[in-house]
């Protein structure tokens, strides 16, 4: 799998662990760069995903929160800050997570390596309930809060 990796200045301490774990697992790492400000890192990996240069991405800042907030503003990105193994695979299996966000001031290199391996190995389940919910998320992305007031399939108003 091709995985884009981007870092802000605070995420650099996990760079070697993240890239090394992915490469050792047989993935191709696309260097999306290191930036002073996290929104640029988020934009770089989102662009790689949009161009199909990468199938997934990893973003690292100090807490993982900043890159997650910035990346989630971009079309087609489903990003989450993850600091445990369960969420690393469940986020892909249920929510089709395509951007894993980590905090270099929160976790160490061993855990970071484990999390990127688990994230990269997971697959979306394709179960109907997860597909339905992703359709609802896509409607939110497209229509904003108006999407909450109508069924994305039937168009009927919801309470």
N, C-alpha and C. Protein backbone atom coordinates (compact mmCIF):
# COMPACT_ATOMS: atom_id res chain seq x y z
N UNK A 1 0.85 -1.17 0.00
CA UNK A 1 0.00 0.00 0.00
C UNK A 1 0.90 1.24 0.00
N UNK A 2 0.44 2.28 -0.69
CA UNK A 2 1.15 3.56 -0.69
C UNK A 2 0.56 4.44 0.41
N UNK A 3 1.40 4.90 1.31
CA UNK A 3 0.95 5.68 2.46
C UNK A 3 1.75 6.98 2.52
N UNK A 4 1.04 8.11 2.43
CA UNK A 4 1.67 9.43 2.55
C UNK A 4 1.87 9.76 4.02
N UNK A 5 3.00 10.33 4.34
CA UNK A 5 3.30 10.72 5.72
C UNK A 5 3.69 12.19 5.76
N UNK A 6 3.05 12.92 6.68
CA UNK A 6 3.36 14.33 6.86
C UNK A 6 3.53 14.65 8.33
N UNK A 7 4.40 15.60 8.61
CA UNK A 7 4.76 15.94 9.98
C UNK A 7 4.84 17.45 10.14
N UNK A 8 4.45 17.93 11.32
CA UNK A 8 4.79 19.31 11.62
C UNK A 8 6.05 19.29 12.49
N UNK A 9 6.51 20.46 12.90
CA UNK A 9 7.76 20.54 13.66
C UNK A 9 7.74 19.67 14.92
N UNK A 10 6.59 19.59 15.58
CA UNK A 10 6.49 18.81 16.82
C UNK A 10 6.36 17.30 16.55
N UNK A 11 6.00 16.93 15.33
CA UNK A 11 5.84 15.53 14.99
C UNK A 11 7.11 14.84 14.54
N UNK A 12 8.15 15.62 14.26
CA UNK A 12 9.40 15.07 13.75
C UNK A 12 10.00 13.96 14.61
N UNK A 13 9.90 14.01 15.96
CA UNK A 13 10.49 12.93 16.75
C UNK A 13 9.94 11.53 16.44
N UNK A 14 8.75 11.44 15.85
CA UNK A 14 8.20 10.12 15.50
C UNK A 14 8.42 9.76 14.03
N UNK A 15 9.06 10.63 13.29
CA UNK A 15 9.23 10.42 11.84
C UNK A 15 9.90 9.07 11.54
N UNK A 16 11.04 8.81 12.13
CA UNK A 16 11.77 7.57 11.82
C UNK A 16 10.98 6.34 12.22
N UNK A 17 10.30 6.38 13.36
CA UNK A 17 9.52 5.23 13.82
C UNK A 17 8.35 4.96 12.88
N UNK A 18 7.65 6.00 12.46
CA UNK A 18 6.49 5.85 11.58
C UNK A 18 6.93 5.33 10.21
N UNK A 19 7.87 6.01 9.60
CA UNK A 19 8.33 5.61 8.26
C UNK A 19 8.96 4.22 8.31
N UNK A 20 9.78 3.97 9.30
CA UNK A 20 10.44 2.66 9.42
C UNK A 20 9.46 1.52 9.58
N UNK A 21 8.45 1.70 10.45
CA UNK A 21 7.47 0.63 10.66
C UNK A 21 6.68 0.34 9.39
N UNK A 22 6.32 1.39 8.66
CA UNK A 22 5.57 1.18 7.42
C UNK A 22 6.42 0.49 6.36
N UNK A 23 7.66 0.94 6.19
CA UNK A 23 8.53 0.33 5.20
C UNK A 23 8.87 -1.12 5.56
N UNK A 24 9.09 -1.39 6.84
CA UNK A 24 9.39 -2.76 7.28
C UNK A 24 8.19 -3.69 7.06
N UNK A 25 6.99 -3.11 7.02
CA UNK A 25 5.78 -3.90 6.77
C UNK A 25 5.49 -4.04 5.29
N UNK A 26 6.36 -3.50 4.44
CA UNK A 26 6.23 -3.66 3.00
C UNK A 26 5.46 -2.56 2.30
N UNK A 27 5.17 -1.48 2.97
CA UNK A 27 4.43 -0.39 2.36
C UNK A 27 5.38 0.61 1.71
N UNK A 28 4.88 1.31 0.71
CA UNK A 28 5.62 2.37 0.06
C UNK A 28 5.24 3.68 0.74
N UNK A 29 6.23 4.39 1.26
CA UNK A 29 5.98 5.63 1.96
C UNK A 29 6.23 6.81 1.03
N UNK A 30 5.22 7.65 0.92
CA UNK A 30 5.33 8.88 0.14
C UNK A 30 5.59 10.01 1.14
N UNK A 31 6.73 10.65 1.03
CA UNK A 31 7.08 11.75 1.94
C UNK A 31 6.31 12.99 1.53
N UNK A 32 5.33 13.35 2.35
CA UNK A 32 4.51 14.54 2.07
C UNK A 32 5.12 15.79 2.72
N UNK A 33 6.24 15.63 3.40
CA UNK A 33 6.97 16.77 3.91
C UNK A 33 6.85 17.00 5.40
N UNK A 34 7.70 17.93 5.85
CA UNK A 34 7.71 18.39 7.23
C UNK A 34 7.52 19.90 7.20
N UNK A 35 6.61 20.39 8.01
CA UNK A 35 6.20 21.78 7.96
C UNK A 35 6.25 22.41 9.35
N UNK A 36 6.45 23.72 9.39
CA UNK A 36 6.39 24.44 10.66
C UNK A 36 4.96 24.43 11.21
N UNK A 37 3.99 24.55 10.32
CA UNK A 37 2.58 24.64 10.73
C UNK A 37 1.80 23.43 10.22
N UNK A 38 1.05 22.79 11.12
CA UNK A 38 0.36 21.54 10.81
C UNK A 38 -0.66 21.62 9.67
N UNK A 39 -1.34 22.75 9.41
CA UNK A 39 -2.28 22.73 8.29
C UNK A 39 -1.63 22.41 6.95
N UNK A 40 -0.37 22.78 6.78
CA UNK A 40 0.33 22.47 5.54
C UNK A 40 0.60 20.97 5.40
N UNK A 41 0.90 20.31 6.50
CA UNK A 41 1.09 18.86 6.47
C UNK A 41 -0.22 18.17 6.11
N UNK A 42 -1.32 18.65 6.71
CA UNK A 42 -2.64 18.07 6.41
C UNK A 42 -2.99 18.26 4.94
N UNK A 43 -2.74 19.44 4.41
CA UNK A 43 -3.04 19.71 3.00
C UNK A 43 -2.20 18.83 2.08
N UNK A 44 -0.95 18.60 2.44
CA UNK A 44 -0.06 17.79 1.60
C UNK A 44 -0.53 16.34 1.52
N UNK A 45 -0.92 15.74 2.64
CA UNK A 45 -1.37 14.35 2.57
C UNK A 45 -2.75 14.26 1.91
N UNK A 46 -3.61 15.25 2.14
CA UNK A 46 -4.93 15.24 1.47
C UNK A 46 -4.77 15.33 -0.04
N UNK A 47 -3.80 16.12 -0.48
CA UNK A 47 -3.55 16.23 -1.92
C UNK A 47 -3.05 14.90 -2.47
N UNK A 48 -2.19 14.22 -1.73
CA UNK A 48 -1.70 12.91 -2.18
C UNK A 48 -2.86 11.91 -2.29
N UNK A 49 -3.78 11.96 -1.34
CA UNK A 49 -4.95 11.08 -1.39
C UNK A 49 -5.85 11.44 -2.57
N UNK A 50 -6.10 12.72 -2.77
CA UNK A 50 -6.99 13.16 -3.85
C UNK A 50 -6.43 12.81 -5.23
N UNK A 51 -5.12 12.86 -5.38
CA UNK A 51 -4.47 12.52 -6.67
C UNK A 51 -4.27 11.03 -6.83
N UNK A 52 -4.67 10.24 -5.83
CA UNK A 52 -4.45 8.79 -5.83
C UNK A 52 -2.97 8.42 -5.84
N UNK A 53 -2.13 9.33 -5.34
CA UNK A 53 -0.72 9.00 -5.16
C UNK A 53 -0.54 8.10 -3.93
N UNK A 54 -1.52 8.16 -3.02
CA UNK A 54 -1.49 7.35 -1.80
C UNK A 54 -2.90 6.86 -1.51
N UNK A 55 -2.98 5.69 -0.87
CA UNK A 55 -4.29 5.14 -0.49
C UNK A 55 -4.68 5.54 0.93
N UNK A 56 -3.67 5.78 1.76
CA UNK A 56 -3.89 6.22 3.14
C UNK A 56 -2.78 7.18 3.51
N UNK A 57 -2.92 7.77 4.71
CA UNK A 57 -1.90 8.71 5.15
C UNK A 57 -1.76 8.68 6.67
N UNK A 58 -0.61 9.14 7.11
CA UNK A 58 -0.32 9.32 8.53
C UNK A 58 0.14 10.76 8.71
N UNK A 59 -0.44 11.42 9.71
CA UNK A 59 -0.05 12.79 10.06
C UNK A 59 0.40 12.81 11.52
N UNK A 60 1.45 13.56 11.81
CA UNK A 60 1.94 13.63 13.18
C UNK A 60 2.23 15.09 13.53
N UNK A 61 1.65 15.51 14.65
CA UNK A 61 1.96 16.80 15.25
C UNK A 61 2.24 16.55 16.73
N UNK A 62 2.22 17.56 17.55
CA UNK A 62 2.51 17.37 18.96
C UNK A 62 1.49 16.52 19.68
N UNK A 63 0.21 16.83 19.49
CA UNK A 63 -0.86 16.12 20.18
C UNK A 63 -1.64 15.16 19.28
N UNK A 64 -1.58 15.38 18.00
CA UNK A 64 -2.42 14.64 17.05
C UNK A 64 -3.73 15.36 16.78
N UNK A 65 -4.11 16.28 17.65
CA UNK A 65 -5.38 16.99 17.50
C UNK A 65 -5.35 18.00 16.36
N UNK A 66 -4.30 18.80 16.28
CA UNK A 66 -4.23 19.83 15.25
C UNK A 66 -4.30 19.27 13.85
N UNK A 67 -3.50 18.24 13.57
CA UNK A 67 -3.52 17.66 12.23
C UNK A 67 -4.86 17.00 11.92
N UNK A 68 -5.49 16.44 12.95
CA UNK A 68 -6.80 15.82 12.76
C UNK A 68 -7.86 16.86 12.41
N UNK A 69 -7.86 17.97 13.12
CA UNK A 69 -8.81 19.04 12.84
C UNK A 69 -8.60 19.58 11.43
N UNK A 70 -7.35 19.88 11.08
CA UNK A 70 -7.07 20.44 9.76
C UNK A 70 -7.41 19.46 8.65
N UNK A 71 -6.99 18.21 8.79
CA UNK A 71 -7.24 17.22 7.73
C UNK A 71 -8.72 16.96 7.53
N UNK A 72 -9.49 16.98 8.61
CA UNK A 72 -10.92 16.70 8.51
C UNK A 72 -11.70 17.78 7.78
N UNK A 73 -11.09 18.91 7.56
CA UNK A 73 -11.73 19.99 6.80
C UNK A 73 -11.65 19.77 5.30
N UNK A 74 -10.84 18.81 4.88
CA UNK A 74 -10.56 18.62 3.46
C UNK A 74 -11.43 17.51 2.88
N UNK A 75 -11.98 17.72 1.68
CA UNK A 75 -12.88 16.74 1.07
C UNK A 75 -12.25 15.36 0.94
N UNK A 76 -13.03 14.35 1.28
CA UNK A 76 -12.60 12.97 1.12
C UNK A 76 -11.71 12.44 2.22
N UNK A 77 -11.37 13.28 3.18
CA UNK A 77 -10.50 12.85 4.27
C UNK A 77 -11.34 12.42 5.46
N UNK A 78 -11.00 11.25 5.99
CA UNK A 78 -11.59 10.75 7.23
C UNK A 78 -10.44 10.51 8.19
N UNK A 79 -10.18 11.52 9.02
CA UNK A 79 -9.01 11.51 9.90
C UNK A 79 -9.43 11.40 11.35
N UNK A 80 -8.58 10.76 12.15
CA UNK A 80 -8.82 10.67 13.58
C UNK A 80 -7.49 10.58 14.31
N UNK A 81 -7.46 11.19 15.48
CA UNK A 81 -6.32 11.04 16.37
C UNK A 81 -6.48 9.71 17.09
N UNK A 82 -5.47 8.88 16.99
CA UNK A 82 -5.54 7.52 17.53
C UNK A 82 -4.29 7.23 18.35
N UNK A 83 -4.50 6.79 19.58
CA UNK A 83 -3.37 6.44 20.43
C UNK A 83 -3.54 5.06 21.06
N UNK A 84 -4.38 4.20 20.45
CA UNK A 84 -4.54 2.82 20.94
C UNK A 84 -4.79 1.90 19.74
N UNK A 85 -4.42 0.65 19.92
CA UNK A 85 -4.51 -0.32 18.83
C UNK A 85 -5.92 -0.61 18.37
N UNK A 86 -6.87 -0.69 19.31
CA UNK A 86 -8.24 -0.99 18.92
C UNK A 86 -8.78 0.05 17.94
N UNK A 87 -8.61 1.33 18.28
CA UNK A 87 -9.13 2.39 17.42
C UNK A 87 -8.37 2.44 16.09
N UNK A 88 -7.10 2.06 16.09
CA UNK A 88 -6.32 2.06 14.86
C UNK A 88 -6.90 1.12 13.81
N UNK A 89 -7.39 -0.05 14.24
CA UNK A 89 -7.99 -0.96 13.25
C UNK A 89 -9.49 -0.73 13.13
N UNK A 90 -10.18 -0.47 14.22
CA UNK A 90 -11.63 -0.28 14.17
C UNK A 90 -12.00 0.95 13.35
N UNK A 91 -11.18 1.99 13.41
CA UNK A 91 -11.46 3.19 12.63
C UNK A 91 -11.45 2.91 11.13
N UNK A 92 -10.60 2.00 10.70
CA UNK A 92 -10.59 1.59 9.28
C UNK A 92 -11.75 0.65 9.00
N UNK A 93 -11.94 -0.37 9.86
CA UNK A 93 -12.94 -1.39 9.62
C UNK A 93 -14.36 -0.84 9.60
N UNK A 94 -14.67 0.10 10.48
CA UNK A 94 -16.04 0.63 10.58
C UNK A 94 -16.22 1.97 9.90
N UNK A 95 -15.19 2.84 9.96
CA UNK A 95 -15.36 4.23 9.49
C UNK A 95 -14.55 4.54 8.25
N UNK A 96 -13.89 3.55 7.69
CA UNK A 96 -13.05 3.71 6.50
C UNK A 96 -12.05 4.85 6.68
N UNK A 97 -11.48 4.92 7.88
CA UNK A 97 -10.48 5.93 8.21
C UNK A 97 -9.36 5.87 7.19
N UNK A 98 -9.01 7.02 6.62
CA UNK A 98 -7.91 7.01 5.66
C UNK A 98 -6.72 7.86 6.09
N UNK A 99 -6.85 8.58 7.21
CA UNK A 99 -5.72 9.34 7.74
C UNK A 99 -5.61 9.08 9.25
N UNK A 100 -4.50 8.50 9.64
CA UNK A 100 -4.19 8.25 11.04
C UNK A 100 -3.40 9.43 11.57
N UNK A 101 -3.86 10.03 12.67
CA UNK A 101 -3.18 11.17 13.28
C UNK A 101 -2.60 10.77 14.63
N UNK A 102 -1.34 11.13 14.83
CA UNK A 102 -0.63 10.76 16.05
C UNK A 102 -0.04 11.99 16.71
N UNK A 103 0.14 11.90 18.02
CA UNK A 103 0.76 12.98 18.78
C UNK A 103 2.12 12.57 19.30
N UNK A 104 3.17 13.23 18.82
CA UNK A 104 4.53 12.88 19.22
C UNK A 104 4.84 13.25 20.67
N UNK A 105 4.04 14.13 21.25
CA UNK A 105 4.23 14.48 22.66
C UNK A 105 3.35 13.63 23.57
N UNK A 106 2.61 12.71 22.97
CA UNK A 106 1.67 11.87 23.72
C UNK A 106 2.13 10.42 23.76
N UNK A 107 2.63 9.92 22.63
CA UNK A 107 3.06 8.53 22.55
C UNK A 107 4.52 8.47 22.12
N UNK A 108 5.14 7.33 22.35
CA UNK A 108 6.54 7.14 21.98
C UNK A 108 6.67 6.38 20.68
N UNK A 109 7.90 6.18 20.23
CA UNK A 109 8.14 5.54 18.94
C UNK A 109 7.67 4.10 18.84
N UNK A 110 7.76 3.33 19.91
CA UNK A 110 7.32 1.93 19.86
C UNK A 110 5.82 1.84 19.59
N UNK A 111 5.04 2.61 20.34
CA UNK A 111 3.59 2.60 20.15
C UNK A 111 3.23 3.18 18.79
N UNK A 112 3.91 4.22 18.36
CA UNK A 112 3.65 4.80 17.03
C UNK A 112 3.84 3.75 15.94
N UNK A 113 4.93 3.00 16.04
CA UNK A 113 5.19 1.95 15.05
C UNK A 113 4.10 0.90 15.04
N UNK A 114 3.67 0.48 16.23
CA UNK A 114 2.60 -0.50 16.33
C UNK A 114 1.30 0.03 15.71
N UNK A 115 0.98 1.28 16.02
CA UNK A 115 -0.28 1.85 15.53
C UNK A 115 -0.31 1.99 14.02
N UNK A 116 0.78 2.42 13.41
CA UNK A 116 0.77 2.55 11.95
C UNK A 116 0.71 1.19 11.28
N UNK A 117 1.33 0.18 11.89
CA UNK A 117 1.24 -1.17 11.31
C UNK A 117 -0.20 -1.70 11.37
N UNK A 118 -0.86 -1.50 12.51
CA UNK A 118 -2.24 -1.96 12.68
C UNK A 118 -3.17 -1.21 11.72
N UNK A 119 -3.01 0.11 11.63
CA UNK A 119 -3.80 0.94 10.72
C UNK A 119 -3.63 0.49 9.28
N UNK A 120 -2.41 0.27 8.86
CA UNK A 120 -2.14 -0.12 7.48
C UNK A 120 -2.65 -1.52 7.15
N UNK A 121 -2.69 -2.40 8.13
CA UNK A 121 -3.13 -3.78 7.90
C UNK A 121 -4.65 -3.94 7.89
N UNK A 122 -5.36 -2.96 8.43
CA UNK A 122 -6.82 -3.08 8.55
C UNK A 122 -7.51 -2.81 7.21
N UNK A 123 -8.72 -3.38 7.07
CA UNK A 123 -9.53 -3.20 5.87
C UNK A 123 -10.95 -2.80 6.25
N UNK A 124 -11.56 -1.98 5.43
CA UNK A 124 -12.95 -1.59 5.63
C UNK A 124 -13.84 -2.82 5.50
N UNK A 125 -14.79 -3.00 6.43
CA UNK A 125 -15.63 -4.19 6.45
C UNK A 125 -16.64 -4.23 5.31
N UNK A 126 -17.11 -3.08 4.89
CA UNK A 126 -18.14 -3.02 3.85
C UNK A 126 -19.52 -3.40 4.33
N UNK A 127 -19.68 -3.63 5.65
CA UNK A 127 -20.99 -3.97 6.19
C UNK A 127 -21.99 -2.84 5.91
N UNK A 128 -23.24 -3.23 5.69
CA UNK A 128 -24.29 -2.28 5.30
C UNK A 128 -24.38 -1.11 6.27
N UNK A 129 -24.35 -1.37 7.56
CA UNK A 129 -24.51 -0.29 8.53
C UNK A 129 -23.35 0.71 8.45
N UNK A 130 -22.15 0.22 8.15
CA UNK A 130 -21.01 1.12 8.03
C UNK A 130 -21.07 1.90 6.72
N UNK A 131 -21.50 1.24 5.65
CA UNK A 131 -21.67 1.93 4.37
C UNK A 131 -22.74 3.02 4.51
N UNK A 132 -23.84 2.69 5.19
CA UNK A 132 -24.92 3.67 5.41
C UNK A 132 -24.40 4.89 6.17
N UNK A 133 -23.66 4.64 7.22
CA UNK A 133 -23.14 5.75 8.03
C UNK A 133 -22.13 6.58 7.25
N UNK A 134 -21.33 5.95 6.43
CA UNK A 134 -20.39 6.72 5.60
C UNK A 134 -21.14 7.58 4.59
N UNK A 135 -22.28 7.09 4.11
CA UNK A 135 -23.12 7.91 3.25
C UNK A 135 -23.64 9.13 3.98
N UNK A 136 -23.97 8.96 5.24
CA UNK A 136 -24.42 10.08 6.06
C UNK A 136 -23.29 11.07 6.28
N UNK A 137 -22.09 10.56 6.50
CA UNK A 137 -20.93 11.44 6.67
C UNK A 137 -20.66 12.21 5.38
N UNK A 138 -20.75 11.53 4.24
CA UNK A 138 -20.56 12.20 2.95
C UNK A 138 -21.60 13.29 2.74
N UNK A 139 -22.84 13.03 3.16
CA UNK A 139 -23.89 14.05 3.06
C UNK A 139 -23.57 15.25 3.95
N UNK A 140 -23.05 15.00 5.14
CA UNK A 140 -22.63 16.11 6.01
C UNK A 140 -21.53 16.93 5.35
N UNK A 141 -20.58 16.25 4.75
CA UNK A 141 -19.48 16.93 4.07
C UNK A 141 -19.99 17.78 2.91
N UNK A 142 -20.96 17.25 2.19
CA UNK A 142 -21.49 17.92 1.01
C UNK A 142 -22.48 19.03 1.37
N UNK A 143 -23.40 18.75 2.32
CA UNK A 143 -24.52 19.65 2.57
C UNK A 143 -24.48 20.34 3.94
N UNK A 144 -23.49 20.02 4.75
CA UNK A 144 -23.42 20.62 6.08
C UNK A 144 -24.55 20.14 6.96
N UNK A 145 -24.96 20.98 7.91
CA UNK A 145 -25.96 20.57 8.90
C UNK A 145 -27.31 20.26 8.27
N UNK A 146 -27.58 20.78 7.09
CA UNK A 146 -28.84 20.46 6.41
C UNK A 146 -28.99 18.96 6.20
N UNK A 147 -27.88 18.28 6.05
CA UNK A 147 -27.92 16.82 5.84
C UNK A 147 -28.48 16.09 7.04
N UNK A 148 -28.39 16.68 8.22
CA UNK A 148 -28.91 16.04 9.41
C UNK A 148 -30.43 16.03 9.45
N UNK A 149 -31.04 16.84 8.62
CA UNK A 149 -32.49 16.98 8.66
C UNK A 149 -33.21 16.20 7.58
N UNK A 150 -32.46 15.43 6.81
CA UNK A 150 -33.12 14.58 5.82
C UNK A 150 -32.34 13.30 5.63
N UNK A 151 -33.07 12.24 5.31
CA UNK A 151 -32.47 10.96 5.06
C UNK A 151 -31.63 11.06 3.78
N UNK A 152 -30.33 10.67 3.81
CA UNK A 152 -29.51 10.80 2.63
C UNK A 152 -29.92 9.90 1.47
N UNK A 153 -30.71 8.86 1.75
CA UNK A 153 -31.15 7.95 0.69
C UNK A 153 -32.50 8.37 0.14
N UNK A 154 -33.49 8.57 1.03
CA UNK A 154 -34.85 8.86 0.58
C UNK A 154 -35.14 10.34 0.45
N UNK A 155 -34.36 11.18 1.13
CA UNK A 155 -34.62 12.62 1.11
C UNK A 155 -35.69 13.05 2.07
N UNK A 156 -36.29 12.09 2.80
CA UNK A 156 -37.35 12.43 3.75
C UNK A 156 -36.79 13.17 4.94
N UNK A 157 -37.56 14.12 5.47
CA UNK A 157 -37.14 14.87 6.65
C UNK A 157 -37.12 13.98 7.87
N UNK A 158 -36.09 14.16 8.67
CA UNK A 158 -35.94 13.41 9.90
C UNK A 158 -36.22 14.34 11.09
N UNK A 159 -36.61 13.77 12.22
CA UNK A 159 -36.87 14.63 13.40
C UNK A 159 -35.62 15.32 13.88
